[in-house]
Amino acid sequence: MYELSTQLSETVNQLKITEANLYAIESEKRRLELTSKEVESCDDNAVLYRSVGRMYLKRPKQQVIHELNQTVSKNTKEGQEYRQKLEQLSKRRDEVSNNIQEYRQKLEQLSKRRDEVSNNIQELVSSVKS
């Protein structure tokens, strides 16, 4: 039972981490899509800069758009992977929860059975004494 509860808490923690990662990826993806729209609306002759660490590099518009689109594609793929992982973790969490419930039910049944047997023994002892 202890192993199951440990497994459940680990799975829930992994779920939370995966959800946070998915949220971060989706937020970055939305930000990149908005940036891409803004860059596309710029003049073809506009001077654009790309942030690289602490410096900015001058880039042609098409290169900036290409880099943004590549990052959006990468984030889309990562988002799909995180969703699949979330689905797997949710299934595992549900399975472990069901196993815990089954064990609790079995323990309750065993406890009731033990009480019945104990009562039967007491009745037998009482009848033998009489």
N, C-alpha and C. Protein backbone atom coordinates (compact mmCIF):
# COMPACT_ATOMS: atom_id res chain seq x y z
N MET A 1 0.83 -1.19 0.00
CA MET A 1 0.00 0.00 0.00
C MET A 1 0.88 1.26 0.00
N TYR A 2 1.95 1.21 0.80
CA TYR A 2 2.87 2.36 0.87
C TYR A 2 3.49 2.61 -0.50
N GLU A 3 3.87 1.52 -1.18
CA GLU A 3 4.48 1.66 -2.51
C GLU A 3 3.51 2.32 -3.48
N LEU A 4 2.24 1.95 -3.37
CA LEU A 4 1.25 2.55 -4.27
C LEU A 4 1.06 4.03 -3.99
N SER A 5 1.04 4.40 -2.72
CA SER A 5 0.86 5.82 -2.41
C SER A 5 2.09 6.62 -2.83
N THR A 6 3.27 6.03 -2.71
CA THR A 6 4.50 6.69 -3.18
C THR A 6 4.45 6.84 -4.70
N GLN A 7 4.02 5.79 -5.36
CA GLN A 7 3.91 5.82 -6.82
C GLN A 7 2.90 6.88 -7.26
N LEU A 8 1.81 6.99 -6.52
CA LEU A 8 0.79 7.98 -6.85
C LEU A 8 1.33 9.39 -6.69
N SER A 9 2.03 9.66 -5.59
CA SER A 9 2.55 11.01 -5.38
C SER A 9 3.62 11.36 -6.42
N GLU A 10 4.45 10.39 -6.80
CA GLU A 10 5.45 10.63 -7.85
C GLU A 10 4.77 10.95 -9.18
N THR A 11 3.73 10.21 -9.50
CA THR A 11 3.01 10.43 -10.75
C THR A 11 2.34 11.80 -10.76
N VAL A 12 1.76 12.18 -9.63
CA VAL A 12 1.11 13.50 -9.54
C VAL A 12 2.15 14.60 -9.69
N ASN A 13 3.33 14.43 -9.08
CA ASN A 13 4.39 15.42 -9.23
C ASN A 13 4.85 15.53 -10.67
N GLN A 14 5.00 14.40 -11.34
CA GLN A 14 5.39 14.41 -12.76
C GLN A 14 4.32 15.09 -13.61
N LEU A 15 3.06 14.85 -13.27
CA LEU A 15 1.96 15.50 -13.98
C LEU A 15 2.05 17.02 -13.85
N LYS A 16 2.29 17.50 -12.65
CA LYS A 16 2.38 18.94 -12.41
C LYS A 16 3.54 19.55 -13.19
N ILE A 17 4.68 18.86 -13.17
CA ILE A 17 5.86 19.36 -13.90
C ILE A 17 5.57 19.40 -15.40
N THR A 18 4.96 18.34 -15.91
CA THR A 18 4.66 18.27 -17.34
C THR A 18 3.65 19.35 -17.73
N GLU A 19 2.64 19.58 -16.88
CA GLU A 19 1.67 20.64 -17.16
C GLU A 19 2.34 22.01 -17.19
N ALA A 20 3.26 22.24 -16.26
CA ALA A 20 3.98 23.52 -16.23
C ALA A 20 4.83 23.69 -17.48
N ASN A 21 5.51 22.62 -17.89
CA ASN A 21 6.32 22.68 -19.11
C ASN A 21 5.46 22.94 -20.34
N LEU A 22 4.31 22.28 -20.41
CA LEU A 22 3.40 22.48 -21.53
C LEU A 22 2.90 23.91 -21.57
N TYR A 23 2.55 24.45 -20.41
CA TYR A 23 2.08 25.84 -20.34
C TYR A 23 3.18 26.79 -20.82
N ALA A 24 4.42 26.54 -20.39
CA ALA A 24 5.54 27.41 -20.80
C ALA A 24 5.76 27.34 -22.31
N ILE A 25 5.71 26.14 -22.86
CA ILE A 25 5.92 25.96 -24.31
C ILE A 25 4.81 26.67 -25.08
N GLU A 26 3.56 26.50 -24.64
CA GLU A 26 2.45 27.13 -25.35
C GLU A 26 2.50 28.65 -25.23
N SER A 27 2.92 29.16 -24.09
CA SER A 27 3.06 30.61 -23.93
C SER A 27 4.12 31.15 -24.86
N GLU A 28 5.26 30.46 -24.92
CA GLU A 28 6.33 30.90 -25.82
C GLU A 28 5.87 30.82 -27.28
N LYS A 29 5.13 29.78 -27.60
CA LYS A 29 4.64 29.62 -28.98
C LYS A 29 3.72 30.79 -29.35
N ARG A 30 2.81 31.16 -28.44
CA ARG A 30 1.92 32.31 -28.73
C ARG A 30 2.73 33.60 -28.89
N ARG A 31 3.73 33.78 -28.02
CA ARG A 31 4.56 34.98 -28.12
C ARG A 31 5.30 35.01 -29.46
N LEU A 32 5.83 33.87 -29.88
CA LEU A 32 6.55 33.80 -31.15
C LEU A 32 5.63 34.06 -32.34
N GLU A 33 4.40 33.53 -32.26
CA GLU A 33 3.45 33.76 -33.34
C GLU A 33 3.09 35.24 -33.45
N LEU A 34 2.90 35.89 -32.32
CA LEU A 34 2.63 37.34 -32.34
C LEU A 34 3.81 38.11 -32.90
N THR A 35 5.01 37.73 -32.49
CA THR A 35 6.22 38.39 -32.99
C THR A 35 6.35 38.20 -34.49
N SER A 36 6.05 36.99 -34.94
CA SER A 36 6.13 36.69 -36.37
C SER A 36 5.16 37.56 -37.17
N LYS A 37 3.94 37.73 -36.66
CA LYS A 37 2.96 38.59 -37.34
C LYS A 37 3.45 40.03 -37.42
N GLU A 38 4.03 40.50 -36.32
CA GLU A 38 4.55 41.87 -36.31
C GLU A 38 5.71 42.03 -37.30
N VAL A 39 6.59 41.04 -37.34
CA VAL A 39 7.73 41.11 -38.26
C VAL A 39 7.25 41.07 -39.70
N GLU A 40 6.25 40.23 -39.98
CA GLU A 40 5.72 40.14 -41.34
C GLU A 40 5.08 41.46 -41.78
N SER A 41 4.55 42.20 -40.84
CA SER A 41 3.91 43.47 -41.20
C SER A 41 4.94 44.58 -41.43
N CYS A 42 6.19 44.34 -41.08
CA CYS A 42 7.25 45.34 -41.29
C CYS A 42 7.59 45.44 -42.78
N ASP A 43 8.13 46.56 -43.11
CA ASP A 43 8.62 46.80 -44.47
C ASP A 43 9.76 45.82 -44.78
N ASP A 44 9.89 45.41 -46.04
CA ASP A 44 10.97 44.50 -46.41
C ASP A 44 12.34 45.13 -46.19
N ASN A 45 12.42 46.44 -46.20
CA ASN A 45 13.70 47.15 -46.03
C ASN A 45 13.95 47.51 -44.57
N ALA A 46 13.03 47.13 -43.68
CA ALA A 46 13.17 47.50 -42.27
C ALA A 46 14.40 46.82 -41.67
N VAL A 47 15.05 47.52 -40.75
CA VAL A 47 16.20 46.97 -40.06
C VAL A 47 15.68 46.18 -38.86
N LEU A 48 16.00 44.89 -38.81
CA LEU A 48 15.55 44.02 -37.73
C LEU A 48 16.75 43.45 -37.00
N TYR A 49 16.57 43.24 -35.72
CA TYR A 49 17.63 42.69 -34.89
C TYR A 49 17.11 41.48 -34.13
N ARG A 50 18.00 40.53 -33.99
CA ARG A 50 17.66 39.30 -33.26
C ARG A 50 18.50 39.26 -31.99
N SER A 51 17.85 39.02 -30.87
CA SER A 51 18.54 38.96 -29.60
C SER A 51 19.29 37.63 -29.48
N VAL A 52 20.59 37.73 -29.18
CA VAL A 52 21.42 36.55 -28.96
C VAL A 52 22.20 36.81 -27.67
N GLY A 53 21.73 36.23 -26.59
CA GLY A 53 22.38 36.49 -25.30
C GLY A 53 22.22 37.95 -24.93
N ARG A 54 23.36 38.63 -24.74
CA ARG A 54 23.34 40.04 -24.35
C ARG A 54 23.51 40.99 -25.55
N MET A 55 23.58 40.43 -26.72
CA MET A 55 23.78 41.31 -27.88
C MET A 55 22.66 41.11 -28.89
N TYR A 56 22.60 42.04 -29.83
CA TYR A 56 21.61 41.98 -30.89
C TYR A 56 22.35 41.90 -32.22
N LEU A 57 21.87 40.98 -33.06
CA LEU A 57 22.47 40.82 -34.38
C LEU A 57 21.49 41.31 -35.44
N LYS A 58 22.01 42.06 -36.37
CA LYS A 58 21.19 42.56 -37.48
C LYS A 58 20.89 41.38 -38.40
N ARG A 59 19.60 41.24 -38.75
CA ARG A 59 19.16 40.12 -39.58
C ARG A 59 18.19 40.63 -40.65
N PRO A 60 18.21 39.99 -41.83
CA PRO A 60 17.21 40.30 -42.84
C PRO A 60 15.84 39.80 -42.38
N LYS A 61 14.81 40.43 -42.84
CA LYS A 61 13.44 40.10 -42.43
C LYS A 61 13.13 38.63 -42.67
N GLN A 62 13.46 38.12 -43.84
CA GLN A 62 13.14 36.73 -44.18
C GLN A 62 13.83 35.74 -43.24
N GLN A 63 15.05 36.05 -42.85
CA GLN A 63 15.77 35.17 -41.94
C GLN A 63 15.12 35.18 -40.55
N VAL A 64 14.69 36.34 -40.09
CA VAL A 64 14.01 36.44 -38.79
C VAL A 64 12.71 35.65 -38.83
N ILE A 65 11.94 35.80 -39.90
CA ILE A 65 10.68 35.06 -40.04
C ILE A 65 10.95 33.56 -40.07
N HIS A 66 11.97 33.16 -40.82
CA HIS A 66 12.32 31.73 -40.91
C HIS A 66 12.70 31.18 -39.53
N GLU A 67 13.53 31.90 -38.78
CA GLU A 67 13.93 31.46 -37.44
C GLU A 67 12.74 31.37 -36.49
N LEU A 68 11.85 32.35 -36.57
CA LEU A 68 10.65 32.34 -35.72
C LEU A 68 9.77 31.14 -36.06
N ASN A 69 9.58 30.90 -37.36
CA ASN A 69 8.75 29.76 -37.78
C ASN A 69 9.36 28.42 -37.37
N GLN A 70 10.69 28.31 -37.42
CA GLN A 70 11.35 27.08 -36.98
C GLN A 70 11.11 26.85 -35.49
N THR A 71 11.23 27.91 -34.72
CA THR A 71 11.02 27.79 -33.27
C THR A 71 9.57 27.45 -32.96
N VAL A 72 8.64 28.03 -33.69
CA VAL A 72 7.22 27.71 -33.50
C VAL A 72 6.98 26.23 -33.82
N SER A 73 7.58 25.74 -34.90
CA SER A 73 7.43 24.33 -35.27
C SER A 73 8.00 23.43 -34.18
N LYS A 74 9.16 23.80 -33.66
CA LYS A 74 9.80 23.01 -32.60
C LYS A 74 8.90 22.99 -31.36
N ASN A 75 8.34 24.16 -31.01
CA ASN A 75 7.46 24.24 -29.84
C ASN A 75 6.18 23.44 -30.05
N THR A 76 5.67 23.43 -31.27
CA THR A 76 4.47 22.65 -31.57
C THR A 76 4.75 21.16 -31.35
N LYS A 77 5.88 20.70 -31.83
CA LYS A 77 6.27 19.30 -31.65
C LYS A 77 6.44 18.97 -30.17
N GLU A 78 7.13 19.83 -29.44
CA GLU A 78 7.34 19.61 -28.00
C GLU A 78 6.01 19.62 -27.26
N GLY A 79 5.10 20.50 -27.67
CA GLY A 79 3.79 20.56 -27.04
C GLY A 79 3.02 19.26 -27.23
N GLN A 80 3.11 18.68 -28.43
CA GLN A 80 2.46 17.40 -28.69
C GLN A 80 3.06 16.30 -27.82
N GLU A 81 4.39 16.33 -27.68
CA GLU A 81 5.05 15.33 -26.84
C GLU A 81 4.60 15.47 -25.38
N TYR A 82 4.51 16.71 -24.90
CA TYR A 82 4.05 16.93 -23.52
C TYR A 82 2.60 16.49 -23.34
N ARG A 83 1.77 16.72 -24.34
CA ARG A 83 0.37 16.27 -24.24
C ARG A 83 0.28 14.75 -24.16
N GLN A 84 1.10 14.06 -24.97
CA GLN A 84 1.13 12.60 -24.92
C GLN A 84 1.61 12.13 -23.54
N LYS A 85 2.63 12.79 -23.03
CA LYS A 85 3.15 12.42 -21.70
C LYS A 85 2.08 12.66 -20.64
N LEU A 86 1.35 13.78 -20.76
CA LEU A 86 0.26 14.06 -19.82
C LEU A 86 -0.79 12.97 -19.86
N GLU A 87 -1.12 12.53 -21.04
CA GLU A 87 -2.12 11.47 -21.20
C GLU A 87 -1.64 10.17 -20.54
N GLN A 88 -0.38 9.82 -20.77
CA GLN A 88 0.17 8.60 -20.17
C GLN A 88 0.20 8.71 -18.65
N LEU A 89 0.65 9.86 -18.15
CA LEU A 89 0.71 10.05 -16.70
C LEU A 89 -0.67 10.04 -16.07
N SER A 90 -1.65 10.61 -16.76
CA SER A 90 -3.02 10.60 -16.24
C SER A 90 -3.55 9.18 -16.15
N LYS A 91 -3.25 8.38 -17.17
CA LYS A 91 -3.68 6.98 -17.14
C LYS A 91 -3.02 6.24 -15.98
N ARG A 92 -1.72 6.48 -15.80
CA ARG A 92 -1.00 5.81 -14.72
C ARG A 92 -1.55 6.25 -13.36
N ARG A 93 -1.83 7.55 -13.22
CA ARG A 93 -2.41 8.05 -11.97
C ARG A 93 -3.75 7.38 -11.68
N ASP A 94 -4.58 7.27 -12.71
CA ASP A 94 -5.89 6.64 -12.54
C ASP A 94 -5.75 5.17 -12.16
N GLU A 95 -4.80 4.47 -12.80
CA GLU A 95 -4.59 3.05 -12.49
C GLU A 95 -4.14 2.87 -11.04
N VAL A 96 -3.19 3.70 -10.62
CA VAL A 96 -2.69 3.58 -9.25
C VAL A 96 -3.79 3.92 -8.25
N SER A 97 -4.58 4.95 -8.55
CA SER A 97 -5.71 5.31 -7.67
C SER A 97 -6.70 4.16 -7.57
N ASN A 98 -6.99 3.53 -8.69
CA ASN A 98 -7.90 2.38 -8.67
C ASN A 98 -7.32 1.23 -7.86
N ASN A 99 -6.02 0.99 -8.00
CA ASN A 99 -5.38 -0.08 -7.22
C ASN A 99 -5.47 0.21 -5.73
N ILE A 100 -5.26 1.45 -5.35
CA ILE A 100 -5.36 1.83 -3.94
C ILE A 100 -6.78 1.61 -3.43
N GLN A 101 -7.76 1.99 -4.21
CA GLN A 101 -9.16 1.78 -3.81
C GLN A 101 -9.47 0.29 -3.66
N GLU A 102 -8.97 -0.52 -4.59
CA GLU A 102 -9.19 -1.97 -4.51
C GLU A 102 -8.56 -2.54 -3.23
N TYR A 103 -7.34 -2.10 -2.91
CA TYR A 103 -6.69 -2.59 -1.70
C TYR A 103 -7.46 -2.16 -0.45
N ARG A 104 -7.96 -0.95 -0.45
CA ARG A 104 -8.75 -0.48 0.70
C ARG A 104 -10.01 -1.33 0.87
N GLN A 105 -10.67 -1.62 -0.24
CA GLN A 105 -11.87 -2.46 -0.18
C GLN A 105 -11.53 -3.85 0.33
N LYS A 106 -10.42 -4.41 -0.15
CA LYS A 106 -10.01 -5.74 0.31
C LYS A 106 -9.68 -5.71 1.79
N LEU A 107 -9.01 -4.65 2.23
CA LEU A 107 -8.70 -4.53 3.66
C LEU A 107 -9.96 -4.44 4.51
N GLU A 108 -10.94 -3.69 4.03
CA GLU A 108 -12.21 -3.58 4.75
C GLU A 108 -12.90 -4.94 4.82
N GLN A 109 -12.89 -5.67 3.71
CA GLN A 109 -13.50 -7.00 3.70
C GLN A 109 -12.78 -7.94 4.66
N LEU A 110 -11.45 -7.89 4.65
CA LEU A 110 -10.67 -8.73 5.56
C LEU A 110 -10.93 -8.36 7.01
N SER A 111 -11.05 -7.08 7.26
CA SER A 111 -11.33 -6.62 8.62
C SER A 111 -12.69 -7.11 9.09
N LYS A 112 -13.68 -7.03 8.22
CA LYS A 112 -15.02 -7.53 8.56
C LYS A 112 -14.99 -9.04 8.79
N ARG A 113 -14.26 -9.73 7.93
CA ARG A 113 -14.14 -11.18 8.06
C ARG A 113 -13.45 -11.55 9.37
N ARG A 114 -12.40 -10.81 9.72
CA ARG A 114 -11.69 -11.04 10.97
C ARG A 114 -12.62 -10.85 12.16
N ASP A 115 -13.43 -9.79 12.11
CA ASP A 115 -14.38 -9.53 13.18
C ASP A 115 -15.40 -10.66 13.30
N GLU A 116 -15.85 -11.16 12.16
CA GLU A 116 -16.81 -12.27 12.16
C GLU A 116 -16.19 -13.52 12.77
N VAL A 117 -14.96 -13.81 12.37
CA VAL A 117 -14.27 -14.99 12.88
C VAL A 117 -14.04 -14.84 14.38
N SER A 118 -13.65 -13.66 14.79
CA SER A 118 -13.42 -13.40 16.21
C SER A 118 -14.70 -13.60 17.01
N ASN A 119 -15.81 -13.10 16.49
CA ASN A 119 -17.11 -13.28 17.15
C ASN A 119 -17.48 -14.76 17.21
N ASN A 120 -17.24 -15.49 16.14
CA ASN A 120 -17.53 -16.93 16.11
C ASN A 120 -16.70 -17.68 17.16
N ILE A 121 -15.44 -17.30 17.27
CA ILE A 121 -14.57 -17.95 18.25
C ILE A 121 -15.07 -17.66 19.66
N GLN A 122 -15.46 -16.42 19.90
CA GLN A 122 -15.98 -16.06 21.23
C GLN A 122 -17.26 -16.84 21.55
N GLU A 123 -18.09 -17.00 20.56
CA GLU A 123 -19.32 -17.77 20.76
C GLU A 123 -19.00 -19.23 21.06
N LEU A 124 -18.03 -19.79 20.34
CA LEU A 124 -17.63 -21.17 20.58
C LEU A 124 -17.05 -21.34 21.99
N VAL A 125 -16.22 -20.42 22.37
CA VAL A 125 -15.62 -20.47 23.71
C VAL A 125 -16.72 -20.38 24.76
N SER A 126 -17.67 -19.52 24.54
CA SER A 126 -18.78 -19.34 25.48
C SER A 126 -19.62 -20.62 25.56
N SER A 127 -19.85 -21.22 24.42
CA SER A 127 -20.68 -22.44 24.40
C SER A 127 -19.93 -23.62 25.04
N VAL A 128 -18.62 -23.67 24.90
CA VAL A 128 -17.84 -24.75 25.50
C VAL A 128 -17.82 -24.60 27.02
N LYS A 129 -17.76 -23.37 27.51
CA LYS A 129 -17.73 -23.08 28.95
C LYS A 129 -19.08 -23.44 29.58
N SER A 130 -20.13 -23.36 28.81
CA SER A 130 -21.47 -23.60 29.37
C SER A 130 -21.79 -25.03 29.54
